[in-house]
Amino acid sequence: MPRVKRGTKRRASRKKTLALAKGFFLTKSKLHRSAQEAVERSLRHGYVGRKRKKRDFRALWIVRIGAACRAAGTSYSKFMSGLKKAGIDLNRKMLADMAVNDSAAFAKLIEQAQAALKTA
């Protein structure tokens, strides 16, 4: 079997790992093996975090909508059910933004949702 010398490819790979580990503490940013472990771990956490962010924001929007609904005397679930029956198709991000920044428009949506619940 022929001998393989990994000169430039190995150096490039290690430089890339150490560049990704820039700013890590002590040997995690200086020594290749420690840096490699830390970088793999951080990339794994970053991947999970990107998924988690979507969950966290949806929960935040639901809390904001629920708070605005309770202030108007209805529950979140009845409000969402009324919107669906009224044929109003707004996502939770937009509803939460309206609840915080445009309370008059949100109050109209609540009225429409309650009217749709009474007729259905």
Protein backbone atom coordinates (compact mmCIF):
# COMPACT_ATOMS: atom_id res chain seq x y z
CA MET A 1 0.00 0.00 0.00
CA PRO A 2 1.42 3.41 -0.89
CA ARG A 3 2.43 5.84 1.77
CA VAL A 4 0.18 8.86 2.27
CA LYS A 5 1.53 12.17 3.54
CA ARG A 6 -1.31 14.51 4.41
CA GLY A 7 0.67 17.75 4.49
CA THR A 8 -1.48 20.53 3.09
CA LYS A 9 -4.88 18.86 3.52
CA ARG A 10 -4.25 18.10 7.18
CA ARG A 11 -2.97 21.61 7.82
CA ALA A 12 -5.99 23.15 6.09
CA SER A 13 -8.38 20.98 8.06
CA ARG A 14 -6.74 21.89 11.36
CA LYS A 15 -6.67 25.59 10.50
CA LYS A 16 -10.37 25.43 9.70
CA THR A 17 -11.13 23.78 13.04
CA LEU A 18 -9.02 26.27 14.97
CA ALA A 19 -10.68 29.16 13.12
CA LEU A 20 -14.09 27.84 14.20
CA ALA A 21 -12.80 27.50 17.77
CA LYS A 22 -11.60 31.11 17.92
CA GLY A 23 -12.76 32.67 21.17
CA PHE A 24 -13.09 29.38 23.06
CA PHE A 25 -11.46 29.11 26.50
CA LEU A 26 -7.82 28.02 27.00
CA THR A 27 -6.79 24.85 25.12
CA LYS A 28 -10.15 24.59 23.36
CA SER A 29 -8.99 27.37 21.06
CA LYS A 30 -5.31 26.36 20.83
CA LEU A 31 -4.93 22.58 20.63
CA HIS A 32 -6.44 20.69 17.73
CA ARG A 33 -7.96 17.74 19.57
CA SER A 34 -9.61 19.86 22.25
CA ALA A 35 -10.74 22.37 19.63
CA GLN A 36 -12.20 19.61 17.45
CA GLU A 37 -14.29 18.26 20.34
CA ALA A 38 -15.46 21.74 21.31
CA VAL A 39 -16.34 22.69 17.73
CA GLU A 40 -18.31 19.48 17.15
CA ARG A 41 -20.21 20.09 20.38
CA SER A 42 -20.92 23.73 19.53
CA LEU A 43 -22.16 22.85 16.04
CA ARG A 44 -24.46 20.22 17.56
CA HIS A 45 -25.84 22.78 20.04
CA GLY A 46 -26.26 25.31 17.24
CA TYR A 47 -28.30 22.85 15.18
CA VAL A 48 -30.56 22.06 18.13
CA GLY A 49 -30.83 25.76 18.97
CA ARG A 50 -32.10 26.66 15.51
CA LYS A 51 -34.94 24.16 15.96
CA ARG A 52 -35.60 25.33 19.52
CA LYS A 53 -35.84 28.98 18.49
CA LYS A 54 -38.91 28.23 16.37
CA ARG A 55 -40.57 26.50 19.35
CA ASP A 56 -39.72 29.33 21.73
CA PHE A 57 -41.06 32.05 19.45
CA ARG A 58 -44.32 30.20 18.84
CA ALA A 59 -44.78 29.85 22.60
CA LEU A 60 -44.08 33.57 23.07
CA TRP A 61 -46.65 34.51 20.42
CA ILE A 62 -49.27 32.28 22.06
CA VAL A 63 -48.60 33.87 25.45
CA ARG A 64 -49.01 37.37 23.99
CA ILE A 65 -52.21 36.49 22.16
CA GLY A 66 -53.59 34.76 25.26
CA ALA A 67 -52.86 37.80 27.43
CA ALA A 68 -54.62 40.13 24.99
CA CYS A 69 -57.59 37.76 24.80
CA ARG A 70 -57.93 37.54 28.58
CA ALA A 71 -57.84 41.35 28.77
CA ALA A 72 -60.80 41.35 26.35
CA GLY A 73 -62.68 38.73 28.35
CA THR A 74 -62.20 35.59 26.28
CA SER A 75 -59.80 32.67 26.24
CA TYR A 76 -57.07 31.92 23.71
CA SER A 77 -58.68 28.68 22.56
CA LYS A 78 -62.11 30.26 22.01
CA PHE A 79 -60.50 33.15 20.14
CA MET A 80 -58.56 30.83 17.81
CA SER A 81 -61.63 28.65 17.27
CA GLY A 82 -63.70 31.72 16.44
CA LEU A 83 -61.09 32.96 13.97
CA LYS A 84 -61.08 29.61 12.21
CA LYS A 85 -64.90 29.55 12.00
CA ALA A 86 -64.94 33.15 10.75
CA GLY A 87 -62.52 32.18 7.98
CA ILE A 88 -59.80 34.56 9.16
CA ASP A 89 -56.45 33.02 8.33
CA LEU A 90 -53.77 34.96 10.23
CA ASN A 91 -50.72 33.29 11.69
CA ARG A 92 -49.77 33.59 15.34
CA LYS A 93 -46.83 35.88 14.62
CA MET A 94 -49.11 38.48 13.00
CA LEU A 95 -51.76 38.09 15.70
CA ALA A 96 -49.18 38.61 18.46
CA ASP A 97 -47.84 41.70 16.70
CA MET A 98 -51.36 43.10 16.41
CA ALA A 99 -52.08 42.33 20.06
CA VAL A 100 -49.01 44.30 21.16
CA ASN A 101 -48.93 47.18 18.66
CA ASP A 102 -52.47 47.60 17.28
CA SER A 103 -55.00 46.86 20.01
CA ALA A 104 -57.93 48.43 18.09
CA ALA A 105 -57.53 46.02 15.17
CA PHE A 106 -57.08 43.11 17.59
CA ALA A 107 -60.31 44.09 19.37
CA LYS A 108 -62.13 43.95 16.01
CA LEU A 109 -60.73 40.47 15.42
CA ILE A 110 -61.99 39.39 18.85
CA GLU A 111 -65.47 40.73 18.00
CA GLN A 112 -65.48 38.84 14.70
CA ALA A 113 -64.32 35.64 16.40
CA GLN A 114 -67.02 35.90 19.09
CA ALA A 115 -69.70 36.58 16.45
CA ALA A 116 -68.58 33.50 14.48
CA LEU A 117 -68.75 31.37 17.64
CA LYS A 118 -72.33 32.53 18.36
CA THR A 119 -73.58 31.77 14.84
CA ALA A 120 -71.91 28.37 14.63
